[in-house]
PDB file of N, CA and C in Angstrom:
ATOM      1  N   MET A   1      93.346  97.510 132.253  1.00  0.00           N
ATOM      2  CA  MET A   1      94.293  98.534 131.842  1.00  0.00           C
ATOM      3  C   MET A   1      95.718  98.018 132.051  1.00  0.00           C
ATOM      4  N   GLN A   2      96.544  98.299 131.082  1.00  0.00           N
ATOM      5  CA  GLN A   2      97.947  97.900 131.089  1.00  0.00           C
ATOM      6  C   GLN A   2      98.774  98.991 131.761  1.00  0.00           C
ATOM      7  N   GLN A   3      99.903  98.636 132.329  1.00  0.00           N
ATOM      8  CA  GLN A   3     100.784  99.614 132.949  1.00  0.00           C
ATOM      9  C   GLN A   3     101.940  99.918 132.007  1.00  0.00           C
ATOM     10  N   TYR A   4     102.266 101.209 131.870  1.00  0.00           N
ATOM     11  CA  TYR A   4     103.296 101.681 130.947  1.00  0.00           C
ATOM     12  C   TYR A   4     104.268 102.599 131.671  1.00  0.00           C
ATOM     13  N   GLU A   5     105.421 102.789 131.034  1.00  0.00           N
ATOM     14  CA  GLU A   5     106.440 103.708 131.519  1.00  0.00           C
ATOM     15  C   GLU A   5     106.927 104.494 130.312  1.00  0.00           C
ATOM     16  N   THR A   6     106.931 105.814 130.407  1.00  0.00           N
ATOM     17  CA  THR A   6     107.375 106.660 129.303  1.00  0.00           C
ATOM     18  C   THR A   6     108.477 107.594 129.790  1.00  0.00           C
ATOM     19  N   VAL A   7     109.567 107.635 129.036  1.00  0.00           N
ATOM     20  CA  VAL A   7     110.642 108.589 129.295  1.00  0.00           C
ATOM     21  C   VAL A   7     110.662 109.556 128.118  1.00  0.00           C
ATOM     22  N   ILE A   8     110.640 110.848 128.425  1.00  0.00           N
ATOM     23  CA  ILE A   8     110.759 111.842 127.358  1.00  0.00           C
ATOM     24  C   ILE A   8     111.993 112.696 127.618  1.00  0.00           C
ATOM     25  N   ILE A   9     112.597 113.148 126.533  1.00  0.00           N
ATOM     26  CA  ILE A   9     113.743 114.059 126.609  1.00  0.00           C
ATOM     27  C   ILE A   9     113.308 115.358 125.943  1.00  0.00           C
ATOM     28  N   LEU A  10     113.321 116.430 126.726  1.00  0.00           N
ATOM     29  CA  LEU A  10     112.947 117.745 126.218  1.00  0.00           C
ATOM     30  C   LEU A  10     114.205 118.525 125.857  1.00  0.00           C
ATOM     31  N   THR A  11     114.059 119.461 124.950  1.00  0.00           N
ATOM     32  CA  THR A  11     115.188 120.278 124.524  1.00  0.00           C
ATOM     33  C   THR A  11     115.738 121.078 125.714  1.00  0.00           C
ATOM     34  N   PRO A  12     117.048 121.227 125.821  1.00  0.00           N
ATOM     35  CA  PRO A  12     117.635 121.935 126.968  1.00  0.00           C
ATOM     36  C   PRO A  12     117.469 123.455 126.892  1.00  0.00           C
ATOM     37  N   LEU A  13     116.933 123.958 125.808  1.00  0.00           N
ATOM     38  CA  LEU A  13     116.765 125.402 125.644  1.00  0.00           C
ATOM     39  C   LEU A  13     115.593 125.948 126.450  1.00  0.00           C
ATOM     40  N   LEU A  14     114.784 125.064 127.029  1.00  0.00           N
ATOM     41  CA  LEU A  14     113.609 125.477 127.792  1.00  0.00           C
ATOM     42  C   LEU A  14     114.006 125.904 129.203  1.00  0.00           C
ATOM     43  N   SER A  15     113.261 126.867 129.747  1.00  0.00           N
ATOM     44  CA  SER A  15     113.456 127.212 131.152  1.00  0.00           C
ATOM     45  C   SER A  15     112.776 126.137 131.998  1.00  0.00           C
ATOM     46  N   ASP A  16     113.055 126.132 133.291  1.00  0.00           N
ATOM     47  CA  ASP A  16     112.451 125.134 134.175  1.00  0.00           C
ATOM     48  C   ASP A  16     110.924 125.244 134.186  1.00  0.00           C
ATOM     49  N   GLU A  17     110.405 126.469 134.148  1.00  0.00           N
ATOM     50  CA  GLU A  17     108.956 126.672 134.166  1.00  0.00           C
ATOM     51  C   GLU A  17     108.300 126.110 132.909  1.00  0.00           C
ATOM     52  N   VAL A  18     108.909 126.361 131.754  1.00  0.00           N
ATOM     53  CA  VAL A  18     108.354 125.876 130.488  1.00  0.00           C
ATOM     54  C   VAL A  18     108.435 124.353 130.424  1.00  0.00           C
ATOM     55  N   ALA A  19     109.543 123.787 130.920  1.00  0.00           N
ATOM     56  CA  ALA A  19     109.679 122.330 130.936  1.00  0.00           C
ATOM     57  C   ALA A  19     108.587 121.713 131.804  1.00  0.00           C
ATOM     58  N   LYS A  20     108.292 122.317 132.946  1.00  0.00           N
ATOM     59  CA  LYS A  20     107.228 121.813 133.825  1.00  0.00           C
ATOM     60  C   LYS A  20     105.859 121.942 133.161  1.00  0.00           C
ATOM     61  N   GLU A  21     105.658 123.012 132.382  1.00  0.00           N
ATOM     62  CA  GLU A  21     104.394 123.184 131.658  1.00  0.00           C
ATOM     63  C   GLU A  21     104.217 122.088 130.605  1.00  0.00           C
ATOM     64  N   VAL A  22     105.291 121.745 129.899  1.00  0.00           N
ATOM     65  CA  VAL A  22     105.231 120.692 128.879  1.00  0.00           C
ATOM     66  C   VAL A  22     104.888 119.360 129.542  1.00  0.00           C
ATOM     67  N   ILE A  23     105.535 119.051 130.667  1.00  0.00           N
ATOM     68  CA  ILE A  23     105.258 117.819 131.402  1.00  0.00           C
ATOM     69  C   ILE A  23     103.805 117.803 131.875  1.00  0.00           C
ATOM     70  N   ALA A  24     103.337 118.929 132.389  1.00  0.00           N
ATOM     71  CA  ALA A  24     101.955 119.020 132.864  1.00  0.00           C
ATOM     72  C   ALA A  24     100.959 118.828 131.722  1.00  0.00           C
ATOM     73  N   LYS A  25     101.305 119.316 130.538  1.00  0.00           N
ATOM     74  CA  LYS A  25     100.439 119.150 129.365  1.00  0.00           C
ATOM     75  C   LYS A  25     100.238 117.667 129.046  1.00  0.00           C
ATOM     76  N   PHE A  26     101.334 116.903 129.060  1.00  0.00           N
ATOM     77  CA  PHE A  26     101.229 115.478 128.747  1.00  0.00           C
ATOM     78  C   PHE A  26     100.576 114.694 129.885  1.00  0.00           C
ATOM     79  N   SER A  27     100.815 115.102 131.123  1.00  0.00           N
ATOM     80  CA  SER A  27     100.152 114.451 132.261  1.00  0.00           C
ATOM     81  C   SER A  27      98.648 114.689 132.202  1.00  0.00           C
ATOM     82  N   LYS A  28      98.247 115.902 131.824  1.00  0.00           N
ATOM     83  CA  LYS A  28      96.824 116.222 131.701  1.00  0.00           C
ATOM     84  C   LYS A  28      96.189 115.410 130.571  1.00  0.00           C
ATOM     85  N   LEU A  29      96.913 115.241 129.475  1.00  0.00           N
ATOM     86  CA  LEU A  29      96.424 114.425 128.366  1.00  0.00           C
ATOM     87  C   LEU A  29      96.158 112.997 128.832  1.00  0.00           C
ATOM     88  N   LEU A  30      97.055 112.466 129.641  1.00  0.00           N
ATOM     89  CA  LEU A  30      96.880 111.108 130.164  1.00  0.00           C
ATOM     90  C   LEU A  30      95.649 111.021 131.069  1.00  0.00           C
ATOM     91  N   THR A  31      95.560 111.908 132.045  1.00  0.00           N
ATOM     92  CA  THR A  31      94.459 111.821 133.010  1.00  0.00           C
ATOM     93  C   THR A  31      93.114 112.130 132.364  1.00  0.00           C
ATOM     94  N   ASP A  32      93.082 113.017 131.391  1.00  0.00           N
ATOM     95  CA  ASP A  32      91.813 113.338 130.708  1.00  0.00           C
ATOM     96  C   ASP A  32      91.287 112.166 129.888  1.00  0.00           C
ATOM     97  N   ASN A  33      92.177 111.267 129.485  1.00  0.00           N
ATOM     98  CA  ASN A  33      91.776 110.124 128.666  1.00  0.00           C
ATOM     99  C   ASN A  33      91.688 108.825 129.470  1.00  0.00           C
ATOM    100  N   GLY A  34      91.570 108.933 130.772  1.00  0.00           N
ATOM    101  CA  GLY A  34      91.309 107.764 131.599  1.00  0.00           C
ATOM    102  C   GLY A  34      92.517 107.050 132.154  1.00  0.00           C
ATOM    103  N   ALA A  35      93.688 107.645 132.087  1.00  0.00           N
ATOM    104  CA  ALA A  35      94.889 107.008 132.635  1.00  0.00           C
ATOM    105  C   ALA A  35      95.043 107.381 134.106  1.00  0.00           C
ATOM    106  N   GLU A  36      95.688 106.497 134.842  1.00  0.00           N
ATOM    107  CA  GLU A  36      95.988 106.741 136.251  1.00  0.00           C
ATOM    108  C   GLU A  36      97.502 106.823 136.388  1.00  0.00           C
ATOM    109  N   ILE A  37      98.010 107.982 136.802  1.00  0.00           N
ATOM    110  CA  ILE A  37      99.451 108.176 136.925  1.00  0.00           C
ATOM    111  C   ILE A  37      99.923 107.561 138.239  1.00  0.00           C
ATOM    112  N   VAL A  38     100.888 106.658 138.128  1.00  0.00           N
ATOM    113  CA  VAL A  38     101.425 105.955 139.295  1.00  0.00           C
ATOM    114  C   VAL A  38     102.618 106.723 139.866  1.00  0.00           C
ATOM    115  N   LEU A  39     103.501 107.203 138.979  1.00  0.00           N
ATOM    116  CA  LEU A  39     104.721 107.876 139.419  1.00  0.00           C
ATOM    117  C   LEU A  39     105.179 108.860 138.355  1.00  0.00           C
ATOM    118  N   GLU A  40     105.614 110.029 138.812  1.00  0.00           N
ATOM    119  CA  GLU A  40     106.281 110.979 137.926  1.00  0.00           C
ATOM    120  C   GLU A  40     107.632 111.295 138.551  1.00  0.00           C
ATOM    121  N   ASP A  41     108.679 111.193 137.763  1.00  0.00           N
ATOM    122  CA  ASP A  41     110.029 111.409 138.272  1.00  0.00           C
ATOM    123  C   ASP A  41     110.782 112.301 137.297  1.00  0.00           C
ATOM    124  N   ASN A  42     111.149 113.481 137.755  1.00  0.00           N
ATOM    125  CA  ASN A  42     111.898 114.421 136.928  1.00  0.00           C
ATOM    126  C   ASN A  42     113.384 114.195 137.174  1.00  0.00           C
ATOM    127  N   TRP A  43     114.101 113.740 136.158  1.00  0.00           N
ATOM    128  CA  TRP A  43     115.522 113.460 136.293  1.00  0.00           C
ATOM    129  C   TRP A  43     116.365 114.707 136.050  1.00  0.00           C
ATOM    130  N   GLY A  44     115.772 115.754 135.512  1.00  0.00           N
ATOM    131  CA  GLY A  44     116.489 117.002 135.304  1.00  0.00           C
ATOM    132  C   GLY A  44     117.351 117.009 134.053  1.00  0.00           C
ATOM    133  N   LEU A  45     118.262 117.967 133.997  1.00  0.00           N
ATOM    134  CA  LEU A  45     119.138 118.148 132.836  1.00  0.00           C
ATOM    135  C   LEU A  45     120.279 117.138 132.904  1.00  0.00           C
ATOM    136  N   ARG A  46     120.411 116.337 131.849  1.00  0.00           N
ATOM    137  CA  ARG A  46     121.448 115.304 131.797  1.00  0.00           C
ATOM    138  C   ARG A  46     122.162 115.347 130.447  1.00  0.00           C
ATOM    139  N   LYS A  47     123.368 114.825 130.459  1.00  0.00           N
ATOM    140  CA  LYS A  47     124.143 114.735 129.220  1.00  0.00           C
ATOM    141  C   LYS A  47     123.609 113.575 128.380  1.00  0.00           C
ATOM    142  N   LEU A  48     123.495 113.795 127.092  1.00  0.00           N
ATOM    143  CA  LEU A  48     123.032 112.760 126.174  1.00  0.00           C
ATOM    144  C   LEU A  48     124.187 111.850 125.779  1.00  0.00           C
ATOM    145  N   ALA A  49     123.871 110.624 125.423  1.00  0.00           N
ATOM    146  CA  ALA A  49     124.899 109.682 124.992  1.00  0.00           C
ATOM    147  C   ALA A  49     125.499 110.099 123.652  1.00  0.00           C
ATOM    148  N   TYR A  50     124.702 110.740 122.821  1.00  0.00           N
ATOM    149  CA  TYR A  50     125.163 111.237 121.531  1.00  0.00           C
ATOM    150  C   TYR A  50     124.344 112.480 121.192  1.00  0.00           C
ATOM    151  N   PRO A  51     124.880 113.386 120.385  1.00  0.00           N
ATOM    152  CA  PRO A  51     124.159 114.619 120.082  1.00  0.00           C
ATOM    153  C   PRO A  51     122.840 114.352 119.330  1.00  0.00           C
ATOM    154  N   ILE A  52     121.799 115.070 119.725  1.00  0.00           N
ATOM    155  CA  ILE A  52     120.507 115.030 119.048  1.00  0.00           C
ATOM    156  C   ILE A  52     120.180 116.466 118.666  1.00  0.00           C
ATOM    157  N   GLN A  53     119.957 116.716 117.397  1.00  0.00           N
ATOM    158  CA  GLN A  53     119.668 118.057 116.891  1.00  0.00           C
ATOM    159  C   GLN A  53     120.741 119.066 117.333  1.00  0.00           C
ATOM    160  N   LYS A  54     121.998 118.621 117.303  1.00  0.00           N
ATOM    161  CA  LYS A  54     123.162 119.432 117.676  1.00  0.00           C
ATOM    162  C   LYS A  54     123.142 119.865 119.144  1.00  0.00           C
ATOM    163  N   LYS A  55     122.441 119.127 119.984  1.00  0.00           N
ATOM    164  CA  LYS A  55     122.391 119.415 121.421  1.00  0.00           C
ATOM    165  C   LYS A  55     123.009 118.232 122.164  1.00  0.00           C
ATOM    166  N   SER A  56     123.763 118.525 123.207  1.00  0.00           N
ATOM    167  CA  SER A  56     124.436 117.459 123.949  1.00  0.00           C
ATOM    168  C   SER A  56     123.792 117.187 125.308  1.00  0.00           C
ATOM    169  N   THR A  57     122.766 117.971 125.687  1.00  0.00           N
ATOM    170  CA  THR A  57     122.058 117.750 126.949  1.00  0.00           C
ATOM    171  C   THR A  57     120.555 117.782 126.696  1.00  0.00           C
ATOM    172  N   GLY A  58     119.787 117.333 127.681  1.00  0.00           N
ATOM    173  CA  GLY A  58     118.339 117.361 127.567  1.00  0.00           C
ATOM    174  C   GLY A  58     117.687 117.152 128.925  1.00  0.00           C
ATOM    175  N   TYR A  59     116.438 117.618 129.065  1.00  0.00           N
ATOM    176  CA  TYR A  59     115.659 117.399 130.290  1.00  0.00           C
ATOM    177  C   TYR A  59     114.975 116.041 130.194  1.00  0.00           C
ATOM    178  N   TYR A  60     115.270 115.171 131.141  1.00  0.00           N
ATOM    179  CA  TYR A  60     114.677 113.835 131.177  1.00  0.00           C
ATOM    180  C   TYR A  60     113.511 113.827 132.163  1.00  0.00           C
ATOM    181  N   HIS A  61     112.434 113.138 131.785  1.00  0.00           N
ATOM    182  CA  HIS A  61     111.282 112.981 132.681  1.00  0.00           C
ATOM    183  C   HIS A  61     110.679 111.596 132.478  1.00  0.00           C
ATOM    184  N   LEU A  62     110.450 110.880 133.589  1.00  0.00           N
ATOM    185  CA  LEU A  62     109.869 109.541 133.556  1.00  0.00           C
ATOM    186  C   LEU A  62     108.460 109.599 134.135  1.00  0.00           C
ATOM    187  N   THR A  63     107.515 108.960 133.447  1.00  0.00           N
ATOM    188  CA  THR A  63     106.145 108.848 133.935  1.00  0.00           C
ATOM    189  C   THR A  63     105.731 107.393 133.872  1.00  0.00           C
ATOM    190  N   GLU A  64     105.229 106.876 134.992  1.00  0.00           N
ATOM    191  CA  GLU A  64     104.694 105.517 135.042  1.00  0.00           C
ATOM    192  C   GLU A  64     103.187 105.642 135.259  1.00  0.00           C
ATOM    193  N   TYR A  65     102.394 104.920 134.455  1.00  0.00           N
ATOM    194  CA  TYR A  65     100.949 105.092 134.498  1.00  0.00           C
ATOM    195  C   TYR A  65     100.224 103.839 134.023  1.00  0.00           C
ATOM    196  N   LYS A  66      98.954 103.751 134.412  1.00  0.00           N
ATOM    197  CA  LYS A  66      98.064 102.695 133.937  1.00  0.00           C
ATOM    198  C   LYS A  66      97.116 103.338 132.949  1.00  0.00           C
ATOM    199  N   ALA A  67      97.002 102.744 131.754  1.00  0.00           N
ATOM    200  CA  ALA A  67      96.191 103.367 130.707  1.00  0.00           C
ATOM    201  C   ALA A  67      95.654 102.305 129.758  1.00  0.00           C
ATOM    202  N   PRO A  68      94.537 102.607 129.095  1.00  0.00           N
ATOM    203  CA  PRO A  68      94.067 101.713 128.027  1.00  0.00           C
ATOM    204  C   PRO A  68      95.038 101.795 126.837  1.00  0.00           C
ATOM    205  N   GLY A  69      95.170 100.707 126.103  1.00  0.00           N
ATOM    206  CA  GLY A  69      96.143 100.609 125.021  1.00  0.00           C
ATOM    207  C   GLY A  69      95.994 101.635 123.918  1.00  0.00           C
ATOM    208  N   GLU A  70      94.747 102.023 123.593  1.00  0.00           N
ATOM    209  CA  GLU A  70      94.553 102.965 122.488  1.00  0.00           C
ATOM    210  C   GLU A  70      95.032 104.377 122.833  1.00  0.00           C
ATOM    211  N   LEU A  71      95.235 104.663 124.098  1.00  0.00           N
ATOM    212  CA  LEU A  71      95.718 105.982 124.503  1.00  0.00           C
ATOM    213  C   LEU A  71      97.183 106.192 124.134  1.00  0.00           C
ATOM    214  N   ILE A  72      97.954 105.124 124.049  1.00  0.00           N
ATOM    215  CA  ILE A  72      99.387 105.231 123.767  1.00  0.00           C
ATOM    216  C   ILE A  72      99.626 105.852 122.393  1.00  0.00           C
ATOM    217  N   ASN A  73      98.849 105.437 121.399  1.00  0.00           N
ATOM    218  CA  ASN A  73      99.010 106.023 120.059  1.00  0.00           C
ATOM    219  C   ASN A  73      98.726 107.522 120.076  1.00  0.00           C
ATOM    220  N   LYS A  74      97.680 107.922 120.775  1.00  0.00           N
ATOM    221  CA  LYS A  74      97.326 109.346 120.867  1.00  0.00           C
ATOM    222  C   LYS A  74      98.441 110.129 121.558  1.00  0.00           C
ATOM    223  N   LEU A  75      98.996 109.558 122.626  1.00  0.00           N
ATOM    224  CA  LEU A  75     100.070 110.212 123.364  1.00  0.00           C
ATOM    225  C   LEU A  75     101.319 110.367 122.495  1.00  0.00           C
ATOM    226  N   GLU A  76     101.680 109.315 121.770  1.00  0.00           N
ATOM    227  CA  GLU A  76     102.883 109.379 120.944  1.00  0.00           C
ATOM    228  C   GLU A  76     102.723 110.337 119.762  1.00  0.00           C
ATOM    229  N   VAL A  77     101.523 110.469 119.231  1.00  0.00           N
ATOM    230  CA  VAL A  77     101.271 111.465 118.181  1.00  0.00           C
ATOM    231  C   VAL A  77     101.499 112.870 118.738  1.00  0.00           C
ATOM    232  N   GLU A  78     101.052 113.106 119.970  1.00  0.00           N
ATOM    233  CA  GLU A  78     101.272 114.419 120.597  1.00  0.00           C
ATOM    234  C   GLU A  78     102.759 114.675 120.841  1.00  0.00           C
ATOM    235  N   PHE A  79     103.515 113.635 121.225  1.00  0.00           N
ATOM    236  CA  PHE A  79     104.961 113.789 121.382  1.00  0.00           C
ATOM    237  C   PHE A  79     105.600 114.198 120.058  1.00  0.00           C
ATOM    238  N   LYS A  80     105.189 113.559 118.974  1.00  0.00           N
ATOM    239  CA  LYS A  80     105.767 113.855 117.661  1.00  0.00           C
ATOM    240  C   LYS A  80     105.412 115.259 117.183  1.00  0.00           C
ATOM    241  N   ARG A  81     104.246 115.741 117.547  1.00  0.00           N
ATOM    242  CA  ARG A  81     103.812 117.082 117.132  1.00  0.00           C
ATOM    243  C   ARG A  81     104.512 118.194 117.890  1.00  0.00           C
ATOM    244  N   ASP A  82     104.924 117.915 119.109  1.00  0.00           N
ATOM    245  CA  ASP A  82     105.528 118.945 119.956  1.00  0.00           C
ATOM    246  C   ASP A  82     107.014 119.060 119.641  1.00  0.00           C
ATOM    247  N   GLU A  83     107.440 120.216 119.172  1.00  0.00           N
ATOM    248  CA  GLU A  83     108.834 120.405 118.772  1.00  0.00           C
ATOM    249  C   GLU A  83     109.784 120.476 119.960  1.00  0.00           C
ATOM    250  N   ARG A  84     109.258 120.630 121.173  1.00  0.00           N
ATOM    251  CA  ARG A  84     110.111 120.692 122.364  1.00  0.00           C
ATOM    252  C   ARG A  84     110.554 119.302 122.824  1.00  0.00           C
ATOM    253  N   VAL A  85     109.895 118.247 122.323  1.00  0.00           N
ATOM    254  CA  VAL A  85     110.256 116.877 122.668  1.00  0.00           C
ATOM    255  C   VAL A  85     111.285 116.374 121.657  1.00  0.00           C
ATOM    256  N   MET A  86     112.478 116.050 122.145  1.00  0.00           N
ATOM    257  CA  MET A  86     113.526 115.558 121.246  1.00  0.00           C
ATOM    258  C   MET A  86     113.390 114.053 121.027  1.00  0.00           C
ATOM    259  N   ARG A  87     113.157 113.290 122.098  1.00  0.00           N
ATOM    260  CA  ARG A  87     112.996 111.842 122.018  1.00  0.00           C
ATOM    261  C   ARG A  87     111.992 111.386 123.066  1.00  0.00           C
ATOM    262  N   PHE A  88     111.392 110.224 122.817  1.00  0.00           N
ATOM    263  CA  PHE A  88     110.508 109.605 123.803  1.00  0.00           C
ATOM    264  C   PHE A  88     110.566 108.100 123.629  1.00  0.00           C
ATOM    265  N   LEU A  89     110.276 107.394 124.704  1.00  0.00           N
ATOM    266  CA  LEU A  89     110.243 105.938 124.670  1.00  0.00           C
ATOM    267  C   LEU A  89     109.147 105.475 125.624  1.00  0.00           C
ATOM    268  N   THR A  90     108.208 104.693 125.106  1.00  0.00           N
ATOM    269  CA  THR A  90     107.135 104.126 125.917  1.00  0.00           C
ATOM    270  C   THR A  90     107.316 102.622 125.958  1.00  0.00           C
ATOM    271  N   VAL A  91     107.274 102.075 127.171  1.00  0.00           N
ATOM    272  CA  VAL A  91     107.477 100.642 127.386  1.00  0.00           C
ATOM    273  C   VAL A  91     106.279 100.091 128.148  1.00  0.00           C
ATOM    274  N   SER A  92     105.759  98.951 127.682  1.00  0.00           N
ATOM    275  CA  SER A  92     104.706  98.240 128.397  1.00  0.00           C
ATOM    276  C   SER A  92     105.366  97.377 129.464  1.00  0.00           C
ATOM    277  N   LEU A  93     104.908  97.501 130.708  1.00  0.00           N
ATOM    278  CA  LEU A  93     105.521  96.780 131.820  1.00  0.00           C
ATOM    279  C   LEU A  93     104.846  95.435 132.039  1.00  0.00           C
ATOM    280  N   ASP A  94     105.647  94.397 132.236  1.00  0.00           N
ATOM    281  CA  ASP A  94     105.099  93.089 132.590  1.00  0.00           C
ATOM    282  C   ASP A  94     105.026  92.984 134.121  1.00  0.00           C
ATOM    283  N   LYS A  95     104.560  91.859 134.620  1.00  0.00           N
ATOM    284  CA  LYS A  95     104.360  91.725 136.066  1.00  0.00           C
ATOM    285  C   LYS A  95     105.671  91.818 136.844  1.00  0.00           C
ATOM    286  N   HIS A  96     106.772  91.378 136.252  1.00  0.00           N
ATOM    287  CA  HIS A  96     108.061  91.442 136.936  1.00  0.00           C
ATOM    288  C   HIS A  96     108.561  92.885 137.038  1.00  0.00           C
ATOM    289  N   ALA A  97     108.386  93.652 135.982  1.00  0.00           N
ATOM    290  CA  ALA A  97     108.802  95.054 135.993  1.00  0.00           C
ATOM    291  C   ALA A  97     107.946  95.863 136.966  1.00  0.00           C
ATOM    292  N   ILE A  98     106.648  95.552 137.032  1.00  0.00           N
ATOM    293  CA  ILE A  98     105.759  96.246 137.964  1.00  0.00           C
ATOM    294  C   ILE A  98     106.182  95.947 139.400  1.00  0.00           C
ATOM    295  N   ALA A  99     106.480  94.678 139.697  1.00  0.00           N
ATOM    296  CA  ALA A  99     106.924  94.300 141.039  1.00  0.00           C
ATOM    297  C   ALA A  99     108.243  94.980 141.389  1.00  0.00           C
ATOM    298  N   TYR A 100     109.170  95.045 140.428  1.00  0.00           N
ATOM    299  CA  TYR A 100     110.452  95.712 140.658  1.00  0.00           C
ATOM    300  C   TYR A 100     110.244  97.193 140.963  1.00  0.00           C
ATOM    301  N   ASN A 101     109.396  97.865 140.180  1.00  0.00           N
ATOM    302  CA  ASN A 101     109.144  99.292 140.398  1.00  0.00           C
ATOM    303  C   ASN A 101     108.502  99.549 141.755  1.00  0.00           C
ATOM    304  N   GLU A 102     107.595  98.655 142.187  1.00  0.00           N
ATOM    305  CA  GLU A 102     106.964  98.818 143.495  1.00  0.00           C
ATOM    306  C   GLU A 102     107.987  98.671 144.612  1.00  0.00           C
ATOM    307  N   LYS A 103     108.904  97.711 144.478  1.00  0.00           N
ATOM    308  CA  LYS A 103     109.956  97.549 145.481  1.00  0.00           C
ATOM    309  C   LYS A 103     110.867  98.771 145.511  1.00  0.00           C
ATOM    310  N   LYS A 104     111.179  99.296 144.334  1.00  0.00           N
ATOM    311  CA  LYS A 104     112.049 100.464 144.249  1.00  0.00           C
ATOM    312  C   LYS A 104     111.391 101.679 144.909  1.00  0.00           C
ATOM    313  N   ARG A 105     110.094 101.858 144.668  1.00  0.00           N
ATOM    314  CA  ARG A 105     109.370 102.985 145.275  1.00  0.00           C
ATOM    315  C   ARG A 105     109.290 102.863 146.791  1.00  0.00           C
ATOM    316  N   SER A 106     109.153 101.628 147.300  1.00  0.00           N
ATOM    317  CA  SER A 106     109.034 101.434 148.745  1.00  0.00           C
ATOM    318  C   SER A 106     110.375 101.550 149.456  1.00  0.00           C
ATOM    319  N   GLY A 107     111.466 101.592 148.713  1.00  0.00           N
ATOM    320  CA  GLY A 107     112.784 101.751 149.299  1.00  0.00           C
ATOM    321  C   GLY A 107     113.437 100.450 149.701  1.00  0.00           C
ATOM    322  N   ALA A 108     112.980  99.344 149.178  1.00  0.00           N
ATOM    323  CA  ALA A 108     113.529  98.037 149.541  1.00  0.00           C
ATOM    324  C   ALA A 108     114.997  97.898 149.131  1.00  0.00           C
ATOM    325  N   PHE A 109     115.416  98.604 148.102  1.00  0.00           N
ATOM    326  CA  PHE A 109     116.790  98.496 147.625  1.00  0.00           C
ATOM    327  C   PHE A 109     117.737  99.439 148.363  1.00  0.00           C
ATOM    328  N   ASN A 110     117.194 100.382 149.122  1.00  0.00           N
ATOM    329  CA  ASN A 110     118.034 101.359 149.815  1.00  0.00           C
ATOM    330  C   ASN A 110     118.379 100.937 151.238  1.00  0.00           C
ATOM    331  N   LYS A 111     117.813  99.842 151.708  1.00  0.00           N
ATOM    332  CA  LYS A 111     118.066  99.400 153.073  1.00  0.00           C
ATOM    333  C   LYS A 111     119.449  98.765 153.171  1.00  0.00           C
ATOM    334  N   LYS A 112     120.169  99.156 154.222  1.00  0.00           N
ATOM    335  CA  LYS A 112     121.497  98.604 154.436  1.00  0.00           C
ATOM    336  C   LYS A 112     121.373  97.283 155.204  1.00  0.00           C
ATOM    337  N   PRO A 113     122.179  96.305 154.848  1.00  0.00           N
ATOM    338  CA  PRO A 113     122.106  95.035 155.587  1.00  0.00           C
ATOM    339  C   PRO A 113     122.596  95.231 157.015  1.00  0.00           C
ATOM    340  N   LYS A 114     121.957  94.511 157.947  1.00  0.00           N
ATOM    341  CA  LYS A 114     122.342  94.611 159.345  1.00  0.00           C
ATOM    342  C   LYS A 114     123.639  93.828 159.568  1.00  0.00           C
ATOM    343  N   THR A 115     124.546  94.440 160.260  1.00  0.00           N
ATOM    344  CA  THR A 115     125.807  93.773 160.577  1.00  0.00           C
ATOM    345  C   THR A 115     125.821  93.426 162.057  1.00  0.00           C
ATOM    346  N   GLU A 116     126.357  92.262 162.367  1.00  0.00           N
ATOM    347  CA  GLU A 116     126.440  91.838 163.755  1.00  0.00           C
ATOM    348  C   GLU A 116     127.730  92.383 164.352  1.00  0.00           C
ATOM    349  N   GLU A 117     127.597  92.929 165.540  1.00  0.00           N
ATOM    350  CA  GLU A 117     128.761  93.480 166.215  1.00  0.00           C
ATOM    351  C   GLU A 117     129.410  92.390 167.068  1.00  0.00           C
ATOM    352  N   ALA A 118     130.705  92.288 167.006  1.00  0.00           N
ATOM    353  CA  ALA A 118     131.419  91.295 167.815  1.00  0.00           C
ATOM    354  C   ALA A 118     131.575  91.812 169.246  1.00  0.00           C
ATOM    355  N   ALA A 119     131.322  90.953 170.218  1.00  0.00           N
ATOM    356  CA  ALA A 119     131.388  91.382 171.617  1.00  0.00           C
ATOM    357  C   ALA A 119     132.717  91.099 172.252  1.00  0.00           C
TER     358      ALA A 119
END
């Protein structure tokens, strides 16, 4: 199974509960078809770089998962069918990206360097 990362942008007109239901729908689709979800990260309401469908903000959500390749087409068809999804991007992760994500999750980048105190 290959590891993937998908970012979706939902329309900002949704309430928080409805946005969570949409995310849960796609997560259930993944797990029902044999995918293993590694990480889900809700980035919340953010400003878009350019207007999409006359909207300047959107709910961002990132999902990292391991899945068979044929599942990606099924998932993207569901994204296209759902009118609440404004944009989506699925990326296949290579070994370097997987290692980077694991370091990021473990907090390796948040550690402050030790400074020596002068006596």
